[in-house]
Amino acid sequence: MAKIKDEQLQQLNELKGRYNELAFLIGQNQIQQRELKGTEEAMFEELDNLAKQEQNFFTELQKEYGDGNLDTTSGEFTPKQQ
């Protein structure tokens, strides 16, 4: 039975080690992407919820003040000309 040189065995083990390290990093990356996707989905759900709340709020304002334009900076409401 033949045996490879120590330098060759060392080089092979280094390659295997680098391969395993990279495979591990790829796995970690996939896990992080999954976590980020979950966080992103939760943020979009919250964004949708806030948009609905805002729409409901404007609907309530419209019931109270009628049709018109609201300056959200000053709070001034200008009724719509009929």
PDB file of N, CA and C in Angstrom:
ATOM      1  N   MET A   1       0.845  -1.172   0.000  1.00  0.00           N
ATOM      2  CA  MET A   1       0.000   0.000   0.000  1.00  0.00           C
ATOM      3  C   MET A   1       0.893   1.238   0.000  1.00  0.00           C
ATOM      4  N   ALA A   2       0.540   2.216  -0.862  1.00  0.00           N
ATOM      5  CA  ALA A   2       1.314   3.455  -0.962  1.00  0.00           C
ATOM      6  C   ALA A   2       0.712   4.507  -0.053  1.00  0.00           C
ATOM      7  N   LYS A   3       1.553   5.376   0.416  1.00  0.00           N
ATOM      8  CA  LYS A   3       1.116   6.463   1.290  1.00  0.00           C
ATOM      9  C   LYS A   3       1.520   7.774   0.638  1.00  0.00           C
ATOM     10  N   ILE A   4       0.571   8.766   0.669  1.00  0.00           N
ATOM     11  CA  ILE A   4       0.913  10.057   0.081  1.00  0.00           C
ATOM     12  C   ILE A   4       1.867  10.788   1.014  1.00  0.00           C
ATOM     13  N   LYS A   5       2.523  11.770   0.461  1.00  0.00           N
ATOM     14  CA  LYS A   5       3.491  12.552   1.235  1.00  0.00           C
ATOM     15  C   LYS A   5       2.766  13.366   2.302  1.00  0.00           C
ATOM     16  N   ASP A   6       3.477  13.641   3.372  1.00  0.00           N
ATOM     17  CA  ASP A   6       2.913  14.428   4.469  1.00  0.00           C
ATOM     18  C   ASP A   6       2.430  15.794   3.982  1.00  0.00           C
ATOM     19  N   GLU A   7       3.170  16.432   3.081  1.00  0.00           N
ATOM     20  CA  GLU A   7       2.785  17.737   2.538  1.00  0.00           C
ATOM     21  C   GLU A   7       1.473  17.637   1.759  1.00  0.00           C
ATOM     22  N   GLN A   8       1.304  16.547   1.034  1.00  0.00           N
ATOM     23  CA  GLN A   8       0.085  16.345   0.269  1.00  0.00           C
ATOM     24  C   GLN A   8      -1.103  16.110   1.204  1.00  0.00           C
ATOM     25  N   LEU A   9      -0.889  15.334   2.252  1.00  0.00           N
ATOM     26  CA  LEU A   9      -1.933  15.085   3.231  1.00  0.00           C
ATOM     27  C   LEU A   9      -2.318  16.377   3.935  1.00  0.00           C
ATOM     28  N   GLN A  10      -1.330  17.192   4.259  1.00  0.00           N
ATOM     29  CA  GLN A  10      -1.583  18.482   4.900  1.00  0.00           C
ATOM     30  C   GLN A  10      -2.387  19.385   3.963  1.00  0.00           C
ATOM     31  N   GLN A  11      -1.994  19.421   2.681  1.00  0.00           N
ATOM     32  CA  GLN A  11      -2.708  20.255   1.711  1.00  0.00           C
ATOM     33  C   GLN A  11      -4.160  19.776   1.556  1.00  0.00           C
ATOM     34  N   LEU A  12      -4.343  18.468   1.501  1.00  0.00           N
ATOM     35  CA  LEU A  12      -5.691  17.905   1.377  1.00  0.00           C
ATOM     36  C   LEU A  12      -6.539  18.263   2.596  1.00  0.00           C
ATOM     37  N   ASN A  13      -5.971  18.143   3.778  1.00  0.00           N
ATOM     38  CA  ASN A  13      -6.697  18.473   5.004  1.00  0.00           C
ATOM     39  C   ASN A  13      -7.033  19.965   5.085  1.00  0.00           C
ATOM     40  N   GLU A  14      -6.132  20.815   4.594  1.00  0.00           N
ATOM     41  CA  GLU A  14      -6.403  22.255   4.556  1.00  0.00           C
ATOM     42  C   GLU A  14      -7.563  22.550   3.610  1.00  0.00           C
ATOM     43  N   LEU A  15      -7.564  21.889   2.452  1.00  0.00           N
ATOM     44  CA  LEU A  15      -8.659  22.077   1.497  1.00  0.00           C
ATOM     45  C   LEU A  15      -9.985  21.622   2.088  1.00  0.00           C
ATOM     46  N   LYS A  16      -9.982  20.457   2.737  1.00  0.00           N
ATOM     47  CA  LYS A  16     -11.205  19.954   3.371  1.00  0.00           C
ATOM     48  C   LYS A  16     -11.672  20.899   4.473  1.00  0.00           C
ATOM     49  N   GLY A  17     -10.723  21.433   5.242  1.00  0.00           N
ATOM     50  CA  GLY A  17     -11.057  22.365   6.318  1.00  0.00           C
ATOM     51  C   GLY A  17     -11.674  23.647   5.769  1.00  0.00           C
ATOM     52  N   ARG A  18     -11.092  24.190   4.719  1.00  0.00           N
ATOM     53  CA  ARG A  18     -11.630  25.403   4.103  1.00  0.00           C
ATOM     54  C   ARG A  18     -13.011  25.136   3.510  1.00  0.00           C
ATOM     55  N   TYR A  19     -13.182  23.938   2.897  1.00  0.00           N
ATOM     56  CA  TYR A  19     -14.475  23.555   2.332  1.00  0.00           C
ATOM     57  C   TYR A  19     -15.535  23.490   3.432  1.00  0.00           C
ATOM     58  N   ASN A  20     -15.215  22.819   4.527  1.00  0.00           N
ATOM     59  CA  ASN A  20     -16.156  22.690   5.639  1.00  0.00           C
ATOM     60  C   ASN A  20     -16.487  24.048   6.252  1.00  0.00           C
ATOM     61  N   GLU A  21     -15.480  24.914   6.369  1.00  0.00           N
ATOM     62  CA  GLU A  21     -15.699  26.251   6.917  1.00  0.00           C
ATOM     63  C   GLU A  21     -16.649  27.048   6.014  1.00  0.00           C
ATOM     64  N   LEU A  22     -16.423  26.978   4.714  1.00  0.00           N
ATOM     65  CA  LEU A  22     -17.280  27.695   3.780  1.00  0.00           C
ATOM     66  C   LEU A  22     -18.704  27.134   3.796  1.00  0.00           C
ATOM     67  N   ALA A  23     -18.838  25.823   3.849  1.00  0.00           N
ATOM     68  CA  ALA A  23     -20.169  25.204   3.917  1.00  0.00           C
ATOM     69  C   ALA A  23     -20.891  25.657   5.183  1.00  0.00           C
ATOM     70  N   PHE A  24     -20.176  25.759   6.292  1.00  0.00           N
ATOM     71  CA  PHE A  24     -20.756  26.233   7.535  1.00  0.00           C
ATOM     72  C   PHE A  24     -21.214  27.681   7.401  1.00  0.00           C
ATOM     73  N   LEU A  25     -20.372  28.529   6.785  1.00  0.00           N
ATOM     74  CA  LEU A  25     -20.723  29.936   6.599  1.00  0.00           C
ATOM     75  C   LEU A  25     -21.940  30.094   5.688  1.00  0.00           C
ATOM     76  N   ILE A  26     -22.037  29.256   4.675  1.00  0.00           N
ATOM     77  CA  ILE A  26     -23.203  29.289   3.793  1.00  0.00           C
ATOM     78  C   ILE A  26     -24.460  28.945   4.590  1.00  0.00           C
ATOM     79  N   GLY A  27     -24.365  27.954   5.454  1.00  0.00           N
ATOM     80  CA  GLY A  27     -25.494  27.584   6.304  1.00  0.00           C
ATOM     81  C   GLY A  27     -25.896  28.721   7.230  1.00  0.00           C
ATOM     82  N   GLN A  28     -24.908  29.362   7.837  1.00  0.00           N
ATOM     83  CA  GLN A  28     -25.199  30.500   8.710  1.00  0.00           C
ATOM     84  C   GLN A  28     -25.878  31.616   7.922  1.00  0.00           C
ATOM     85  N   ASN A  29     -25.384  31.854   6.714  1.00  0.00           N
ATOM     86  CA  ASN A  29     -25.953  32.884   5.858  1.00  0.00           C
ATOM     87  C   ASN A  29     -27.418  32.576   5.552  1.00  0.00           C
ATOM     88  N   GLN A  30     -27.725  31.328   5.254  1.00  0.00           N
ATOM     89  CA  GLN A  30     -29.103  30.939   4.957  1.00  0.00           C
ATOM     90  C   GLN A  30     -30.009  31.149   6.166  1.00  0.00           C
ATOM     91  N   ILE A  31     -29.520  30.830   7.333  1.00  0.00           N
ATOM     92  CA  ILE A  31     -30.296  31.034   8.557  1.00  0.00           C
ATOM     93  C   ILE A  31     -30.560  32.517   8.774  1.00  0.00           C
ATOM     94  N   GLN A  32     -29.532  33.348   8.584  1.00  0.00           N
ATOM     95  CA  GLN A  32     -29.699  34.787   8.744  1.00  0.00           C
ATOM     96  C   GLN A  32     -30.692  35.343   7.726  1.00  0.00           C
ATOM     97  N   GLN A  33     -30.619  34.855   6.493  1.00  0.00           N
ATOM     98  CA  GLN A  33     -31.568  35.309   5.474  1.00  0.00           C
ATOM     99  C   GLN A  33     -32.993  34.951   5.869  1.00  0.00           C
ATOM    100  N   ARG A  34     -33.179  33.761   6.401  1.00  0.00           N
ATOM    101  CA  ARG A  34     -34.517  33.330   6.833  1.00  0.00           C
ATOM    102  C   ARG A  34     -35.022  34.223   7.965  1.00  0.00           C
ATOM    103  N   GLU A  35     -34.139  34.526   8.920  1.00  0.00           N
ATOM    104  CA  GLU A  35     -34.529  35.396  10.029  1.00  0.00           C
ATOM    105  C   GLU A  35     -34.876  36.787   9.520  1.00  0.00           C
ATOM    106  N   LEU A  36     -34.067  37.301   8.587  1.00  0.00           N
ATOM    107  CA  LEU A  36     -34.332  38.623   8.027  1.00  0.00           C
ATOM    108  C   LEU A  36     -35.646  38.642   7.253  1.00  0.00           C
ATOM    109  N   LYS A  37     -35.921  37.561   6.541  1.00  0.00           N
ATOM    110  CA  LYS A  37     -37.181  37.477   5.793  1.00  0.00           C
ATOM    111  C   LYS A  37     -38.363  37.522   6.754  1.00  0.00           C
ATOM    112  N   GLY A  38     -38.248  36.806   7.867  1.00  0.00           N
ATOM    113  CA  GLY A  38     -39.309  36.838   8.873  1.00  0.00           C
ATOM    114  C   GLY A  38     -39.485  38.229   9.455  1.00  0.00           C
ATOM    115  N   THR A  39     -38.378  38.896   9.729  1.00  0.00           N
ATOM    116  CA  THR A  39     -38.437  40.259  10.254  1.00  0.00           C
ATOM    117  C   THR A  39     -39.057  41.192   9.223  1.00  0.00           C
ATOM    118  N   GLU A  40     -38.659  41.037   7.974  1.00  0.00           N
ATOM    119  CA  GLU A  40     -39.193  41.871   6.900  1.00  0.00           C
ATOM    120  C   GLU A  40     -40.700  41.665   6.760  1.00  0.00           C
ATOM    121  N   GLU A  41     -41.147  40.421   6.815  1.00  0.00           N
ATOM    122  CA  GLU A  41     -42.579  40.131   6.708  1.00  0.00           C
ATOM    123  C   GLU A  41     -43.343  40.784   7.854  1.00  0.00           C
ATOM    124  N   ALA A  42     -42.798  40.724   9.052  1.00  0.00           N
ATOM    125  CA  ALA A  42     -43.451  41.346  10.206  1.00  0.00           C
ATOM    126  C   ALA A  42     -43.515  42.861  10.029  1.00  0.00           C
ATOM    127  N   MET A  43     -42.466  43.439   9.483  1.00  0.00           N
ATOM    128  CA  MET A  43     -42.451  44.881   9.255  1.00  0.00           C
ATOM    129  C   MET A  43     -43.487  45.278   8.204  1.00  0.00           C
ATOM    130  N   PHE A  44     -43.625  44.496   7.145  1.00  0.00           N
ATOM    131  CA  PHE A  44     -44.632  44.795   6.127  1.00  0.00           C
ATOM    132  C   PHE A  44     -46.039  44.644   6.687  1.00  0.00           C
ATOM    133  N   GLU A  45     -46.256  43.655   7.549  1.00  0.00           N
ATOM    134  CA  GLU A  45     -47.559  43.501   8.194  1.00  0.00           C
ATOM    135  C   GLU A  45     -47.880  44.728   9.040  1.00  0.00           C
ATOM    136  N   GLU A  46     -46.894  45.203   9.779  1.00  0.00           N
ATOM    137  CA  GLU A  46     -47.083  46.402  10.606  1.00  0.00           C
ATOM    138  C   GLU A  46     -47.339  47.619   9.730  1.00  0.00           C
ATOM    139  N   LEU A  47     -46.629  47.717   8.622  1.00  0.00           N
ATOM    140  CA  LEU A  47     -46.828  48.823   7.680  1.00  0.00           C
ATOM    141  C   LEU A  47     -48.256  48.806   7.137  1.00  0.00           C
ATOM    142  N   ASP A  48     -48.744  47.633   6.753  1.00  0.00           N
ATOM    143  CA  ASP A  48     -50.124  47.503   6.277  1.00  0.00           C
ATOM    144  C   ASP A  48     -51.112  47.895   7.365  1.00  0.00           C
ATOM    145  N   ASN A  49     -50.834  47.470   8.592  1.00  0.00           N
ATOM    146  CA  ASN A  49     -51.708  47.794   9.722  1.00  0.00           C
ATOM    147  C   ASN A  49     -51.756  49.311   9.946  1.00  0.00           C
ATOM    148  N   LEU A  50     -50.605  49.953   9.888  1.00  0.00           N
ATOM    149  CA  LEU A  50     -50.564  51.403  10.075  1.00  0.00           C
ATOM    150  C   LEU A  50     -51.304  52.129   8.955  1.00  0.00           C
ATOM    151  N   ALA A  51     -51.179  51.642   7.725  1.00  0.00           N
ATOM    152  CA  ALA A  51     -51.890  52.255   6.600  1.00  0.00           C
ATOM    153  C   ALA A  51     -53.400  52.142   6.808  1.00  0.00           C
ATOM    154  N   LYS A  52     -53.867  50.995   7.307  1.00  0.00           N
ATOM    155  CA  LYS A  52     -55.298  50.815   7.582  1.00  0.00           C
ATOM    156  C   LYS A  52     -55.750  51.756   8.704  1.00  0.00           C
ATOM    157  N   GLN A  53     -54.942  51.871   9.740  1.00  0.00           N
ATOM    158  CA  GLN A  53     -55.283  52.768  10.846  1.00  0.00           C
ATOM    159  C   GLN A  53     -55.370  54.212  10.365  1.00  0.00           C
ATOM    160  N   GLU A  54     -54.423  54.595   9.511  1.00  0.00           N
ATOM    161  CA  GLU A  54     -54.424  55.950   8.972  1.00  0.00           C
ATOM    162  C   GLU A  54     -55.677  56.192   8.130  1.00  0.00           C
ATOM    163  N   GLN A  55     -56.025  55.231   7.291  1.00  0.00           N
ATOM    164  CA  GLN A  55     -57.217  55.362   6.451  1.00  0.00           C
ATOM    165  C   GLN A  55     -58.471  55.474   7.312  1.00  0.00           C
ATOM    166  N   ASN A  56     -58.556  54.656   8.352  1.00  0.00           N
ATOM    167  CA  ASN A  56     -59.701  54.723   9.270  1.00  0.00           C
ATOM    168  C   ASN A  56     -59.764  56.076   9.965  1.00  0.00           C
ATOM    169  N   PHE A  57     -58.613  56.596  10.342  1.00  0.00           N
ATOM    170  CA  PHE A  57     -58.563  57.897  11.003  1.00  0.00           C
ATOM    171  C   PHE A  57     -59.056  58.995  10.067  1.00  0.00           C
ATOM    172  N   PHE A  58     -58.588  58.963   8.806  1.00  0.00           N
ATOM    173  CA  PHE A  58     -59.035  59.966   7.846  1.00  0.00           C
ATOM    174  C   PHE A  58     -60.529  59.832   7.542  1.00  0.00           C
ATOM    175  N   THR A  59     -61.041  58.623   7.563  1.00  0.00           N
ATOM    176  CA  THR A  59     -62.475  58.411   7.374  1.00  0.00           C
ATOM    177  C   THR A  59     -63.261  59.065   8.509  1.00  0.00           C
ATOM    178  N   GLU A  60     -62.774  58.917   9.736  1.00  0.00           N
ATOM    179  CA  GLU A  60     -63.420  59.544  10.888  1.00  0.00           C
ATOM    180  C   GLU A  60     -63.353  61.065  10.787  1.00  0.00           C
ATOM    181  N   LEU A  61     -62.209  61.593  10.350  1.00  0.00           N
ATOM    182  CA  LEU A  61     -62.089  63.046  10.172  1.00  0.00           C
ATOM    183  C   LEU A  61     -63.071  63.535   9.105  1.00  0.00           C
ATOM    184  N   GLN A  62     -63.203  62.760   8.044  1.00  0.00           N
ATOM    185  CA  GLN A  62     -64.110  63.144   6.966  1.00  0.00           C
ATOM    186  C   GLN A  62     -65.553  63.161   7.459  1.00  0.00           C
ATOM    187  N   LYS A  63     -65.916  62.217   8.314  1.00  0.00           N
ATOM    188  CA  LYS A  63     -67.262  62.202   8.880  1.00  0.00           C
ATOM    189  C   LYS A  63     -67.509  63.453   9.726  1.00  0.00           C
ATOM    190  N   GLU A  64     -66.482  63.877  10.442  1.00  0.00           N
ATOM    191  CA  GLU A  64     -66.625  65.023  11.331  1.00  0.00           C
ATOM    192  C   GLU A  64     -66.548  66.349  10.589  1.00  0.00           C
ATOM    193  N   TYR A  65     -65.638  66.474   9.605  1.00  0.00           N
ATOM    194  CA  TYR A  65     -65.396  67.756   8.949  1.00  0.00           C
ATOM    195  C   TYR A  65     -65.887  67.816   7.509  1.00  0.00           C
ATOM    196  N   GLY A  66     -66.261  66.685   6.938  1.00  0.00           N
ATOM    197  CA  GLY A  66     -66.719  66.657   5.555  1.00  0.00           C
ATOM    198  C   GLY A  66     -65.548  66.496   4.594  1.00  0.00           C
ATOM    199  N   ASP A  67     -65.866  66.611   3.287  1.00  0.00           N
ATOM    200  CA  ASP A  67     -64.819  66.508   2.273  1.00  0.00           C
ATOM    201  C   ASP A  67     -63.961  67.759   2.271  1.00  0.00           C
ATOM    202  N   GLY A  68     -62.685  67.566   2.043  1.00  0.00           N
ATOM    203  CA  GLY A  68     -61.774  68.710   1.985  1.00  0.00           C
ATOM    204  C   GLY A  68     -60.340  68.246   2.032  1.00  0.00           C
ATOM    205  N   ASN A  69     -59.485  69.219   2.254  1.00  0.00           N
ATOM    206  CA  ASN A  69     -58.056  68.944   2.318  1.00  0.00           C
ATOM    207  C   ASN A  69     -57.535  69.276   3.707  1.00  0.00           C
ATOM    208  N   LEU A  70     -56.663  68.423   4.201  1.00  0.00           N
ATOM    209  CA  LEU A  70     -56.076  68.613   5.521  1.00  0.00           C
ATOM    210  C   LEU A  70     -54.585  68.829   5.372  1.00  0.00           C
ATOM    211  N   ASP A  71     -54.118  69.938   5.942  1.00  0.00           N
ATOM    212  CA  ASP A  71     -52.675  70.186   6.001  1.00  0.00           C
ATOM    213  C   ASP A  71     -52.177  69.497   7.266  1.00  0.00           C
ATOM    214  N   THR A  72     -51.460  68.381   7.093  1.00  0.00           N
ATOM    215  CA  THR A  72     -51.031  67.600   8.253  1.00  0.00           C
ATOM    216  C   THR A  72     -49.934  68.283   9.058  1.00  0.00           C
ATOM    217  N   THR A  73     -49.350  69.337   8.514  1.00  0.00           N
ATOM    218  CA  THR A  73     -48.332  70.077   9.260  1.00  0.00           C
ATOM    219  C   THR A  73     -48.978  71.065  10.220  1.00  0.00           C
ATOM    220  N   SER A  74     -49.940  71.841   9.696  1.00  0.00           N
ATOM    221  CA  SER A  74     -50.567  72.873  10.525  1.00  0.00           C
ATOM    222  C   SER A  74     -51.860  72.416  11.179  1.00  0.00           C
ATOM    223  N   GLY A  75     -52.469  71.366  10.625  1.00  0.00           N
ATOM    224  CA  GLY A  75     -53.753  70.901  11.140  1.00  0.00           C
ATOM    225  C   GLY A  75     -54.927  71.661  10.548  1.00  0.00           C
ATOM    226  N   GLU A  76     -54.680  72.533   9.586  1.00  0.00           N
ATOM    227  CA  GLU A  76     -55.750  73.306   8.975  1.00  0.00           C
ATOM    228  C   GLU A  76     -56.526  72.459   7.974  1.00  0.00           C
ATOM    229  N   PHE A  77     -57.861  72.570   8.085  1.00  0.00           N
ATOM    230  CA  PHE A  77     -58.746  71.833   7.185  1.00  0.00           C
ATOM    231  C   PHE A  77     -59.425  72.845   6.266  1.00  0.00           C
ATOM    232  N   THR A  78     -59.345  72.572   4.988  1.00  0.00           N
ATOM    233  CA  THR A  78     -59.994  73.430   3.998  1.00  0.00           C
ATOM    234  C   THR A  78     -61.128  72.650   3.356  1.00  0.00           C
ATOM    235  N   PRO A  79     -62.371  73.070   3.586  1.00  0.00           N
ATOM    236  CA  PRO A  79     -63.502  72.357   2.992  1.00  0.00           C
ATOM    237  C   PRO A  79     -63.432  72.376   1.466  1.00  0.00           C
ATOM    238  N   LYS A  80     -63.926  71.316   0.891  1.00  0.00           N
ATOM    239  CA  LYS A  80     -63.951  71.198  -0.565  1.00  0.00           C
ATOM    240  C   LYS A  80     -65.036  72.132  -1.111  1.00  0.00           C
ATOM    241  N   GLN A  81     -64.673  72.895  -2.137  1.00  0.00           N
ATOM    242  CA  GLN A  81     -65.641  73.795  -2.775  1.00  0.00           C
ATOM    243  C   GLN A  81     -66.694  72.979  -3.501  1.00  0.00           C
ATOM    244  N   GLN A  82     -67.955  73.291  -3.325  1.00  0.00           N
ATOM    245  CA  GLN A  82     -69.033  72.525  -3.957  1.00  0.00           C
ATOM    246  C   GLN A  82     -69.465  73.171  -5.241  1.00  0.00           C
TER     247      GLN A  82
END
